[in-house]
PDB file of N, CA and C in Angstrom:
ATOM      1  N   MET A   1     -29.282  -6.512 -43.891  1.00  0.00           N
ATOM      2  CA  MET A   1     -28.135  -6.533 -44.929  1.00  0.00           C
ATOM      3  C   MET A   1     -27.330  -5.039 -44.206  1.00  0.00           C
ATOM      4  N   VAL A   2     -26.219  -5.130 -44.317  1.00  0.00           N
ATOM      5  CA  VAL A   2     -24.793  -4.466 -43.711  1.00  0.00           C
ATOM      6  C   VAL A   2     -24.252  -3.710 -45.446  1.00  0.00           C
ATOM      7  N   ARG A   3     -23.697  -2.951 -45.825  1.00  0.00           N
ATOM      8  CA  ARG A   3     -23.512  -1.609 -45.738  1.00  0.00           C
ATOM      9  C   ARG A   3     -21.588  -2.444 -45.905  1.00  0.00           C
ATOM     10  N   LEU A   4     -20.611  -2.022 -46.800  1.00  0.00           N
ATOM     11  CA  LEU A   4     -18.941  -2.421 -46.516  1.00  0.00           C
ATOM     12  C   LEU A   4     -18.266  -1.627 -45.352  1.00  0.00           C
ATOM     13  N   GLU A   5     -19.052  -0.533 -46.044  1.00  0.00           N
ATOM     14  CA  GLU A   5     -18.136   0.616 -45.467  1.00  0.00           C
ATOM     15  C   GLU A   5     -18.787   0.648 -43.562  1.00  0.00           C
ATOM     16  N   ASP A   6     -19.650  -0.250 -43.410  1.00  0.00           N
ATOM     17  CA  ASP A   6     -20.072  -0.103 -42.002  1.00  0.00           C
ATOM     18  C   ASP A   6     -18.897  -1.276 -41.077  1.00  0.00           C
ATOM     19  N   ILE A   7     -19.162  -2.477 -42.137  1.00  0.00           N
ATOM     20  CA  ILE A   7     -17.836  -3.641 -41.692  1.00  0.00           C
ATOM     21  C   ILE A   7     -15.978  -2.592 -41.944  1.00  0.00           C
ATOM     22  N   GLU A   8     -16.547  -2.223 -42.866  1.00  0.00           N
ATOM     23  CA  GLU A   8     -14.455  -1.676 -42.648  1.00  0.00           C
ATOM     24  C   GLU A   8     -14.702  -1.095 -41.936  1.00  0.00           C
ATOM     25  N   VAL A   9     -15.645   0.190 -41.334  1.00  0.00           N
ATOM     26  CA  VAL A   9     -14.969   1.251 -40.157  1.00  0.00           C
ATOM     27  C   VAL A   9     -14.869  -0.131 -38.921  1.00  0.00           C
ATOM     28  N   ALA A  10     -16.464  -0.582 -38.605  1.00  0.00           N
ATOM     29  CA  ALA A  10     -15.544  -1.431 -37.581  1.00  0.00           C
ATOM     30  C   ALA A  10     -14.347  -2.742 -37.491  1.00  0.00           C
ATOM     31  N   LEU A  11     -14.212  -3.597 -38.549  1.00  0.00           N
ATOM     32  CA  LEU A  11     -13.031  -2.955 -38.605  1.00  0.00           C
ATOM     33  C   LEU A  11     -11.751  -2.396 -37.581  1.00  0.00           C
ATOM     34  N   ARG A  12     -11.709  -1.207 -39.075  1.00  0.00           N
ATOM     35  CA  ARG A  12     -10.790  -0.233 -38.499  1.00  0.00           C
ATOM     36  C   ARG A  12     -10.588   0.528 -37.053  1.00  0.00           C
ATOM     37  N   GLU A  13     -12.318   0.531 -36.332  1.00  0.00           N
ATOM     38  CA  GLU A  13     -12.321   1.466 -35.168  1.00  0.00           C
ATOM     39  C   GLU A  13     -12.039  -0.463 -34.187  1.00  0.00           C
ATOM     40  N   LYS A  14     -11.527  -1.212 -34.681  1.00  0.00           N
ATOM     41  CA  LYS A  14     -10.529  -2.203 -33.207  1.00  0.00           C
ATOM     42  C   LYS A  14     -10.270  -2.942 -33.157  1.00  0.00           C
ATOM     43  N   MET A  15      -9.316  -2.577 -34.959  1.00  0.00           N
ATOM     44  CA  MET A  15      -8.218  -3.569 -35.083  1.00  0.00           C
ATOM     45  C   MET A  15      -7.540  -2.377 -35.786  1.00  0.00           C
ATOM     46  N   PRO A  16      -5.980  -2.975 -35.769  1.00  0.00           N
ATOM     47  CA  PRO A  16      -4.517  -1.937 -36.514  1.00  0.00           C
ATOM     48  C   PRO A  16      -4.927  -2.674 -38.340  1.00  0.00           C
ATOM     49  N   VAL A  17      -4.887  -1.789 -38.825  1.00  0.00           N
ATOM     50  CA  VAL A  17      -5.587  -1.853 -40.455  1.00  0.00           C
ATOM     51  C   VAL A  17      -4.759  -1.158 -41.362  1.00  0.00           C
ATOM     52  N   SER A  18      -3.737  -2.641 -41.969  1.00  0.00           N
ATOM     53  CA  SER A  18      -2.528  -1.374 -42.581  1.00  0.00           C
ATOM     54  C   SER A  18      -2.838  -2.039 -44.159  1.00  0.00           C
ATOM     55  N   HIS A  19      -3.862  -2.462 -44.785  1.00  0.00           N
ATOM     56  CA  HIS A  19      -5.078  -2.830 -45.708  1.00  0.00           C
ATOM     57  C   HIS A  19      -5.786  -3.879 -46.042  1.00  0.00           C
ATOM     58  N   LEU A  20      -6.725  -3.276 -46.551  1.00  0.00           N
ATOM     59  CA  LEU A  20      -8.115  -3.548 -46.240  1.00  0.00           C
ATOM     60  C   LEU A  20      -8.825  -3.874 -48.008  1.00  0.00           C
ATOM     61  N   VAL A  21      -8.961  -5.441 -47.917  1.00  0.00           N
ATOM     62  CA  VAL A  21      -9.880  -5.200 -49.337  1.00  0.00           C
ATOM     63  C   VAL A  21     -11.153  -5.799 -49.097  1.00  0.00           C
ATOM     64  N   LEU A  22     -12.380  -4.652 -49.541  1.00  0.00           N
ATOM     65  CA  LEU A  22     -13.295  -6.200 -48.638  1.00  0.00           C
ATOM     66  C   LEU A  22     -15.224  -6.167 -50.302  1.00  0.00           C
ATOM     67  N   ASN A  23     -15.144  -7.278 -50.539  1.00  0.00           N
ATOM     68  CA  ASN A  23     -16.259  -6.965 -51.385  1.00  0.00           C
ATOM     69  C   ASN A  23     -17.225  -7.898 -51.300  1.00  0.00           C
ATOM     70  N   GLY A  24     -18.463  -8.007 -51.125  1.00  0.00           N
ATOM     71  CA  GLY A  24     -19.617  -8.179 -51.139  1.00  0.00           C
ATOM     72  C   GLY A  24     -20.816  -7.660 -51.176  1.00  0.00           C
ATOM     73  N   ASP A  25     -22.255  -8.472 -51.504  1.00  0.00           N
ATOM     74  CA  ASP A  25     -23.251  -8.515 -51.912  1.00  0.00           C
ATOM     75  C   ASP A  25     -24.304  -7.767 -50.228  1.00  0.00           C
ATOM     76  N   GLY A  26     -24.530  -7.774 -49.382  1.00  0.00           N
ATOM     77  CA  GLY A  26     -24.497  -7.253 -48.584  1.00  0.00           C
ATOM     78  C   GLY A  26     -25.228  -8.262 -47.343  1.00  0.00           C
ATOM     79  N   ARG A  27     -24.718  -9.793 -47.828  1.00  0.00           N
ATOM     80  CA  ARG A  27     -24.876 -11.001 -46.953  1.00  0.00           C
ATOM     81  C   ARG A  27     -23.751 -11.355 -46.673  1.00  0.00           C
ATOM     82  N   HIS A  28     -23.170 -11.672 -48.332  1.00  0.00           N
ATOM     83  CA  HIS A  28     -21.836 -12.511 -48.199  1.00  0.00           C
ATOM     84  C   HIS A  28     -20.798 -11.705 -49.064  1.00  0.00           C
ATOM     85  N   PHE A  29     -19.919 -11.693 -48.242  1.00  0.00           N
ATOM     86  CA  PHE A  29     -17.720 -10.464 -47.567  1.00  0.00           C
ATOM     87  C   PHE A  29     -16.427 -11.910 -48.205  1.00  0.00           C
ATOM     88  N   GLU A  30     -16.025 -11.037 -49.492  1.00  0.00           N
ATOM     89  CA  GLU A  30     -14.479 -11.600 -49.182  1.00  0.00           C
ATOM     90  C   GLU A  30     -14.047 -10.112 -48.475  1.00  0.00           C
ATOM     91  N   LEU A  31     -13.027 -11.594 -47.436  1.00  0.00           N
ATOM     92  CA  LEU A  31     -11.965 -10.030 -46.856  1.00  0.00           C
ATOM     93  C   LEU A  31     -10.443  -9.864 -47.425  1.00  0.00           C
ATOM     94  N   LEU A  32      -9.464  -8.970 -47.394  1.00  0.00           N
ATOM     95  CA  LEU A  32      -8.691  -9.891 -47.368  1.00  0.00           C
ATOM     96  C   LEU A  32      -7.479  -8.368 -46.189  1.00  0.00           C
ATOM     97  N   MET A  33      -7.581  -8.781 -45.541  1.00  0.00           N
ATOM     98  CA  MET A  33      -6.609  -7.659 -44.261  1.00  0.00           C
ATOM     99  C   MET A  33      -5.317  -8.424 -44.325  1.00  0.00           C
ATOM    100  N   VAL A  34      -4.779  -7.178 -44.108  1.00  0.00           N
ATOM    101  CA  VAL A  34      -2.884  -6.450 -42.947  1.00  0.00           C
ATOM    102  C   VAL A  34      -3.070  -6.066 -42.048  1.00  0.00           C
ATOM    103  N   SER A  35      -2.674  -7.196 -40.548  1.00  0.00           N
ATOM    104  CA  SER A  35      -2.363  -6.813 -38.853  1.00  0.00           C
ATOM    105  C   SER A  35      -1.645  -6.347 -38.273  1.00  0.00           C
ATOM    106  N   GLU A  36      -1.510  -5.815 -37.387  1.00  0.00           N
ATOM    107  CA  GLU A  36      -0.305  -6.615 -37.092  1.00  0.00           C
ATOM    108  C   GLU A  36      -1.303  -7.408 -36.172  1.00  0.00           C
ATOM    109  N   ALA A  37      -2.485  -7.121 -35.618  1.00  0.00           N
ATOM    110  CA  ALA A  37      -3.065  -7.393 -34.291  1.00  0.00           C
ATOM    111  C   ALA A  37      -2.987  -9.155 -34.743  1.00  0.00           C
ATOM    112  N   PHE A  38      -2.835  -9.072 -35.980  1.00  0.00           N
ATOM    113  CA  PHE A  38      -2.729 -11.392 -37.121  1.00  0.00           C
ATOM    114  C   PHE A  38      -1.525 -12.074 -36.577  1.00  0.00           C
ATOM    115  N   VAL A  39      -0.174 -11.522 -36.032  1.00  0.00           N
ATOM    116  CA  VAL A  39       1.370 -11.234 -35.768  1.00  0.00           C
ATOM    117  C   VAL A  39       1.232 -12.547 -33.937  1.00  0.00           C
ATOM    118  N   GLY A  40       2.049 -13.653 -34.882  1.00  0.00           N
ATOM    119  CA  GLY A  40       2.224 -14.752 -33.920  1.00  0.00           C
ATOM    120  C   GLY A  40       0.315 -15.423 -33.676  1.00  0.00           C
ATOM    121  N   LEU A  41      -0.700 -15.195 -34.295  1.00  0.00           N
ATOM    122  CA  LEU A  41      -1.737 -15.942 -33.960  1.00  0.00           C
ATOM    123  C   LEU A  41      -2.072 -17.001 -35.003  1.00  0.00           C
ATOM    124  N   SER A  42      -2.673 -18.030 -35.173  1.00  0.00           N
ATOM    125  CA  SER A  42      -2.883 -19.069 -35.809  1.00  0.00           C
ATOM    126  C   SER A  42      -3.397 -18.723 -36.966  1.00  0.00           C
ATOM    127  N   ARG A  43      -4.303 -18.818 -37.877  1.00  0.00           N
ATOM    128  CA  ARG A  43      -5.803 -19.297 -38.855  1.00  0.00           C
ATOM    129  C   ARG A  43      -7.255 -18.177 -38.598  1.00  0.00           C
ATOM    130  N   VAL A  44      -7.013 -19.637 -37.486  1.00  0.00           N
ATOM    131  CA  VAL A  44      -8.201 -19.365 -36.864  1.00  0.00           C
ATOM    132  C   VAL A  44      -8.348 -18.566 -35.592  1.00  0.00           C
ATOM    133  N   ARG A  45      -7.415 -18.539 -34.738  1.00  0.00           N
ATOM    134  CA  ARG A  45      -6.819 -17.111 -33.824  1.00  0.00           C
ATOM    135  C   ARG A  45      -7.593 -15.801 -34.869  1.00  0.00           C
ATOM    136  N   ARG A  46      -7.084 -15.625 -35.919  1.00  0.00           N
ATOM    137  CA  ARG A  46      -7.325 -14.566 -37.232  1.00  0.00           C
ATOM    138  C   ARG A  46      -8.392 -14.297 -37.567  1.00  0.00           C
ATOM    139  N   HIS A  47      -9.291 -15.114 -38.075  1.00  0.00           N
ATOM    140  CA  HIS A  47     -10.778 -15.189 -37.981  1.00  0.00           C
ATOM    141  C   HIS A  47     -11.146 -15.101 -37.175  1.00  0.00           C
ATOM    142  N   GLN A  48     -11.551 -15.427 -35.171  1.00  0.00           N
ATOM    143  CA  GLN A  48     -11.697 -15.187 -34.320  1.00  0.00           C
ATOM    144  C   GLN A  48     -11.884 -13.800 -33.918  1.00  0.00           C
ATOM    145  N   ALA A  49     -10.180 -13.711 -34.423  1.00  0.00           N
ATOM    146  CA  ALA A  49     -10.264 -11.638 -33.944  1.00  0.00           C
ATOM    147  C   ALA A  49     -11.125 -11.015 -35.102  1.00  0.00           C
ATOM    148  N   VAL A  50     -11.420 -11.376 -36.187  1.00  0.00           N
ATOM    149  CA  VAL A  50     -12.145 -10.277 -37.131  1.00  0.00           C
ATOM    150  C   VAL A  50     -13.483 -10.737 -36.488  1.00  0.00           C
ATOM    151  N   TYR A  51     -13.612 -12.499 -36.735  1.00  0.00           N
ATOM    152  CA  TYR A  51     -15.547 -11.748 -35.957  1.00  0.00           C
ATOM    153  C   TYR A  51     -16.036 -11.528 -34.710  1.00  0.00           C
ATOM    154  N   GLY A  52     -14.654 -11.187 -33.799  1.00  0.00           N
ATOM    155  CA  GLY A  52     -14.939 -10.560 -32.172  1.00  0.00           C
ATOM    156  C   GLY A  52     -15.345  -9.840 -33.358  1.00  0.00           C
ATOM    157  N   ALA A  53     -14.232  -8.592 -33.814  1.00  0.00           N
ATOM    158  CA  ALA A  53     -14.815  -6.616 -33.924  1.00  0.00           C
ATOM    159  C   ALA A  53     -15.787  -6.541 -35.101  1.00  0.00           C
ATOM    160  N   LEU A  54     -16.308  -7.065 -36.015  1.00  0.00           N
ATOM    161  CA  LEU A  54     -17.087  -7.304 -36.255  1.00  0.00           C
ATOM    162  C   LEU A  54     -19.134  -7.581 -35.366  1.00  0.00           C
ATOM    163  N   GLY A  55     -18.556  -7.623 -33.884  1.00  0.00           N
ATOM    164  CA  GLY A  55     -19.193  -9.015 -33.597  1.00  0.00           C
ATOM    165  C   GLY A  55     -20.440  -8.834 -33.755  1.00  0.00           C
ATOM    166  N   ASP A  56     -21.537  -7.952 -33.359  1.00  0.00           N
ATOM    167  CA  ASP A  56     -23.515  -7.855 -33.721  1.00  0.00           C
ATOM    168  C   ASP A  56     -24.061  -8.599 -35.011  1.00  0.00           C
ATOM    169  N   ALA A  57     -22.559  -7.223 -35.391  1.00  0.00           N
ATOM    170  CA  ALA A  57     -23.555  -7.391 -37.008  1.00  0.00           C
ATOM    171  C   ALA A  57     -22.959  -9.568 -37.442  1.00  0.00           C
ATOM    172  N   MET A  58     -21.985  -9.964 -36.970  1.00  0.00           N
ATOM    173  CA  MET A  58     -22.144 -12.063 -37.040  1.00  0.00           C
ATOM    174  C   MET A  58     -22.858 -12.778 -36.282  1.00  0.00           C
ATOM    175  N   ARG A  59     -22.876 -11.229 -34.366  1.00  0.00           N
ATOM    176  CA  ARG A  59     -24.333 -12.864 -33.543  1.00  0.00           C
ATOM    177  C   ARG A  59     -25.335 -12.955 -34.227  1.00  0.00           C
ATOM    178  N   ASP A  60     -25.585 -11.688 -34.822  1.00  0.00           N
ATOM    179  CA  ASP A  60     -26.812 -11.124 -35.464  1.00  0.00           C
ATOM    180  C   ASP A  60     -27.224 -12.017 -36.442  1.00  0.00           C
ATOM    181  N   GLU A  61     -26.138 -12.924 -36.860  1.00  0.00           N
ATOM    182  CA  GLU A  61     -26.534 -12.888 -39.031  1.00  0.00           C
ATOM    183  C   GLU A  61     -26.662 -11.201 -39.409  1.00  0.00           C
ATOM    184  N   LEU A  62     -26.067 -10.688 -39.360  1.00  0.00           N
ATOM    185  CA  LEU A  62     -26.561  -9.851 -40.958  1.00  0.00           C
ATOM    186  C   LEU A  62     -25.165 -10.034 -42.060  1.00  0.00           C
ATOM    187  N   VAL A  63     -24.355 -10.590 -41.296  1.00  0.00           N
ATOM    188  CA  VAL A  63     -23.525 -11.167 -42.794  1.00  0.00           C
ATOM    189  C   VAL A  63     -23.549 -12.454 -42.339  1.00  0.00           C
ATOM    190  N   HIS A  64     -23.936 -12.946 -43.501  1.00  0.00           N
ATOM    191  CA  HIS A  64     -24.143 -14.810 -43.627  1.00  0.00           C
ATOM    192  C   HIS A  64     -22.597 -15.789 -44.144  1.00  0.00           C
ATOM    193  N   ALA A  65     -21.645 -14.757 -44.283  1.00  0.00           N
ATOM    194  CA  ALA A  65     -20.676 -15.664 -45.137  1.00  0.00           C
ATOM    195  C   ALA A  65     -19.420 -15.124 -45.359  1.00  0.00           C
ATOM    196  N   LEU A  66     -18.635 -14.933 -44.749  1.00  0.00           N
ATOM    197  CA  LEU A  66     -16.998 -13.981 -44.890  1.00  0.00           C
ATOM    198  C   LEU A  66     -16.147 -14.709 -45.474  1.00  0.00           C
ATOM    199  N   THR A  67     -15.398 -14.783 -45.993  1.00  0.00           N
ATOM    200  CA  THR A  67     -14.204 -15.401 -46.536  1.00  0.00           C
ATOM    201  C   THR A  67     -13.508 -14.354 -46.219  1.00  0.00           C
ATOM    202  N   MET A  68     -11.631 -15.317 -45.794  1.00  0.00           N
ATOM    203  CA  MET A  68     -10.998 -14.086 -44.935  1.00  0.00           C
ATOM    204  C   MET A  68      -9.621 -14.074 -45.804  1.00  0.00           C
ATOM    205  N   GLN A  69      -9.141 -13.499 -45.616  1.00  0.00           N
ATOM    206  CA  GLN A  69      -7.625 -13.944 -45.859  1.00  0.00           C
ATOM    207  C   GLN A  69      -6.786 -13.243 -45.059  1.00  0.00           C
ATOM    208  N   THR A  70      -6.243 -13.812 -44.596  1.00  0.00           N
ATOM    209  CA  THR A  70      -5.409 -12.887 -42.849  1.00  0.00           C
ATOM    210  C   THR A  70      -3.965 -13.103 -43.420  1.00  0.00           C
ATOM    211  N   PHE A  71      -2.966 -11.930 -43.420  1.00  0.00           N
ATOM    212  CA  PHE A  71      -1.522 -11.456 -43.276  1.00  0.00           C
ATOM    213  C   PHE A  71      -0.733 -10.584 -42.320  1.00  0.00           C
ATOM    214  N   THR A  72      -0.082 -10.945 -41.530  1.00  0.00           N
ATOM    215  CA  THR A  72       0.914  -9.826 -40.869  1.00  0.00           C
ATOM    216  C   THR A  72       1.388  -8.875 -42.228  1.00  0.00           C
ATOM    217  N   PRO A  73       1.475  -7.648 -41.465  1.00  0.00           N
ATOM    218  CA  PRO A  73       2.556  -6.996 -42.476  1.00  0.00           C
ATOM    219  C   PRO A  73       3.758  -7.662 -43.222  1.00  0.00           C
ATOM    220  N   GLU A  74       4.765  -8.624 -42.668  1.00  0.00           N
ATOM    221  CA  GLU A  74       5.824  -9.352 -42.726  1.00  0.00           C
ATOM    222  C   GLU A  74       4.736 -10.281 -43.672  1.00  0.00           C
ATOM    223  N   GLU A  75       4.282 -11.131 -43.758  1.00  0.00           N
ATOM    224  CA  GLU A  75       3.800 -11.705 -44.769  1.00  0.00           C
ATOM    225  C   GLU A  75       3.310 -11.602 -45.493  1.00  0.00           C
ATOM    226  N   TRP A  76       2.536 -10.123 -45.506  1.00  0.00           N
ATOM    227  CA  TRP A  76       2.169  -9.277 -46.881  1.00  0.00           C
ATOM    228  C   TRP A  76       3.521  -8.906 -47.977  1.00  0.00           C
ATOM    229  N   ALA A  77       4.486  -8.437 -46.991  1.00  0.00           N
ATOM    230  CA  ALA A  77       5.807  -7.700 -47.738  1.00  0.00           C
ATOM    231  C   ALA A  77       6.165  -9.577 -48.680  1.00  0.00           C
ATOM    232  N   GLN A  78       6.126 -10.325 -47.306  1.00  0.00           N
ATOM    233  CA  GLN A  78       7.140 -12.023 -47.955  1.00  0.00           C
ATOM    234  C   GLN A  78       6.690 -11.894 -50.243  1.00  0.00           C
ATOM    235  N   ARG A  79       5.120 -11.838 -50.120  1.00  0.00           N
ATOM    236  CA  ARG A  79       3.926 -11.736 -51.232  1.00  0.00           C
ATOM    237  C   ARG A  79       4.101 -10.731 -52.243  1.00  0.00           C
ATOM    238  N   GLY A  80       4.649 -10.420 -51.555  1.00  0.00           N
ATOM    239  CA  GLY A  80       5.339  -8.748 -53.259  1.00  0.00           C
ATOM    240  C   GLY A  80       3.989  -8.283 -53.358  1.00  0.00           C
TER     241      GLY A  80
END
């Protein structure tokens, strides 16, 4: 089981994060993340970047399911 705090720390250490909301039960998580790292990336590439930042937690299946919404700062600002 993975703590929410551990996932948040991993993401913030490996990616520039301007906004992050994470919910979950220890195995299933929902993530809303805004990052400059997503500029110019497709949705698939954005998700791959998040998976890469989580590294071992994803490879070792400590995180069973992760639903993501990923935005650039500009996209996030346009959402209001």
